[in-house]
Protein backbone atom coordinates (compact mmCIF):
# COMPACT_ATOMS: atom_id res chain seq x y z
CA MET A 1 0.01 -0.06 0.03
CA GLU A 2 2.82 2.36 0.71
CA ASN A 3 4.28 1.61 -2.79
CA PHE A 4 0.99 2.78 -4.09
CA PHE A 5 0.94 6.03 -2.32
CA LEU A 6 4.62 6.70 -3.24
CA MET A 7 3.82 6.18 -6.84
CA ALA A 8 0.65 8.28 -6.79
CA LEU A 9 2.48 11.08 -4.80
CA THR A 10 5.24 11.12 -7.46
CA ILE A 11 2.91 11.28 -10.27
CA ILE A 12 1.20 14.05 -8.51
CA PHE A 13 4.55 15.76 -8.16
CA LEU A 14 5.25 15.44 -11.84
CA ILE A 15 2.05 16.90 -12.98
CA GLU A 16 2.39 19.68 -10.65
CA SER A 17 6.01 20.36 -12.02
CA PHE A 18 4.48 20.66 -15.60
CA VAL A 19 1.71 22.98 -14.38
CA GLU A 20 4.16 25.19 -12.56
CA ILE A 21 6.31 25.61 -15.84
CA ARG A 22 3.10 26.50 -17.82
CA LEU A 23 2.14 29.03 -14.93
CA PHE A 24 5.69 30.60 -14.81
CA ALA A 25 5.64 31.01 -18.60
CA ASP A 26 2.15 32.53 -18.42
CA VAL A 27 3.20 35.02 -15.85
CA ARG A 28 6.44 36.13 -17.89
CA ASN A 29 4.42 36.38 -21.16
CA ILE A 30 1.68 38.71 -19.32
CA PHE A 31 4.43 41.17 -18.43
CA LEU A 32 6.28 40.91 -21.76
CA LYS A 33 2.94 41.54 -23.63
CA SER A 34 2.20 44.45 -21.36
CA GLY A 35 5.37 46.16 -21.89
CA ARG A 36 6.21 46.47 -18.22
CA ALA A 37 10.19 46.16 -17.94
CA LYS A 38 9.84 44.61 -14.38
CA PRO A 39 7.11 42.64 -12.51
CA THR A 40 5.89 44.09 -9.23
CA LYS A 41 7.85 43.18 -6.05
CA ARG A 42 5.16 40.54 -5.08
CA VAL A 43 5.28 38.58 -8.46
CA ALA A 44 9.14 39.08 -8.54
CA ARG A 45 9.30 37.43 -5.09
CA ILE A 46 7.06 34.41 -6.23
CA ILE A 47 9.26 33.99 -9.44
CA LYS A 48 12.40 34.19 -7.52
CA ILE A 49 10.96 31.36 -5.05
CA GLU A 50 9.80 29.25 -8.00
CA ASN A 51 13.28 29.46 -9.66
CA GLN A 52 15.02 28.37 -6.50
CA TRP A 53 12.41 25.61 -5.56
CA SER A 54 12.51 24.26 -9.07
CA TRP A 55 16.11 23.24 -8.95
CA VAL A 56 15.76 22.02 -5.39
CA SER A 57 12.76 19.91 -5.88
CA TRP A 58 14.30 18.10 -8.70
CA ILE A 59 17.46 17.44 -6.69
CA PHE A 60 15.33 15.93 -4.05
CA LEU A 61 13.33 13.77 -6.52
CA LEU A 62 16.74 12.28 -7.61
CA LEU A 63 17.78 11.75 -4.06
CA MET A 64 14.79 9.91 -3.55
CA PHE A 65 16.17 7.11 -5.84
CA VAL A 66 19.36 6.63 -3.43
CA MET A 67 17.73 7.19 0.05
CA SER A 68 16.43 4.22 1.97
CA ALA A 69 12.78 3.28 1.82
CA LYS A 70 11.71 4.79 5.30
CA TYR A 71 12.83 8.37 4.14
CA THR A 72 11.53 8.25 0.66
CA PHE A 73 8.04 8.43 1.64
CA LEU A 74 8.56 11.27 3.87
CA LEU A 75 10.58 13.18 1.36
CA ILE A 76 8.06 12.86 -1.40
CA CYS A 77 5.42 13.92 0.77
CA ILE A 78 7.29 17.18 1.67
CA ILE A 79 8.37 17.91 -1.91
CA THR A 80 4.64 17.29 -3.04
CA LEU A 81 3.07 19.67 -0.45
CA ILE A 82 5.87 22.43 -1.12
CA GLU A 83 5.24 21.88 -4.98
CA THR A 84 1.56 22.46 -4.37
CA TRP A 85 2.17 25.60 -2.34
CA VAL A 86 4.49 26.95 -5.22
CA VAL A 87 1.60 26.07 -7.95
CA TYR A 88 -0.96 27.93 -5.79
CA GLU A 89 1.32 30.91 -5.50
CA LEU A 90 2.14 30.94 -9.03
CA GLN A 91 -1.70 30.83 -9.85
CA ASN A 92 -2.26 33.77 -7.60
CA ALA A 93 0.67 35.65 -9.26
CA LYS A 94 -0.74 34.92 -12.54
CA ASN A 95 -4.28 36.07 -11.65
CA TYR A 96 -2.58 39.25 -9.99
CA ALA A 97 -0.42 40.00 -13.04
CA GLU A 98 -3.39 39.69 -15.29
CA SER A 99 -5.53 42.17 -13.06
CA ILE A 100 -2.84 44.77 -12.75
CA ASN A 101 -2.01 44.56 -16.62
CA LYS A 102 -5.55 45.07 -18.04
């Protein structure tokens, strides 16, 4: 049963990673199309967090393959939770960017 949950959380993480990439591109395109040279401080902070987390999350995912089984489940739970938060923040940043650039 634990292997099923591990596989499900890994698939959820991968799906959220692709959604994260799409949202990041959308936020960038909104500012490029609007003619603004720089995003607002709030959006810039979220983009910075996203860039840092993107690298760290994939490193953690790769570490999952060399860690013992008892830590693997905990690690995938943590990175999936953080990934969900980052996607949520990027969605909020996209909505905010769209509203200020209308």
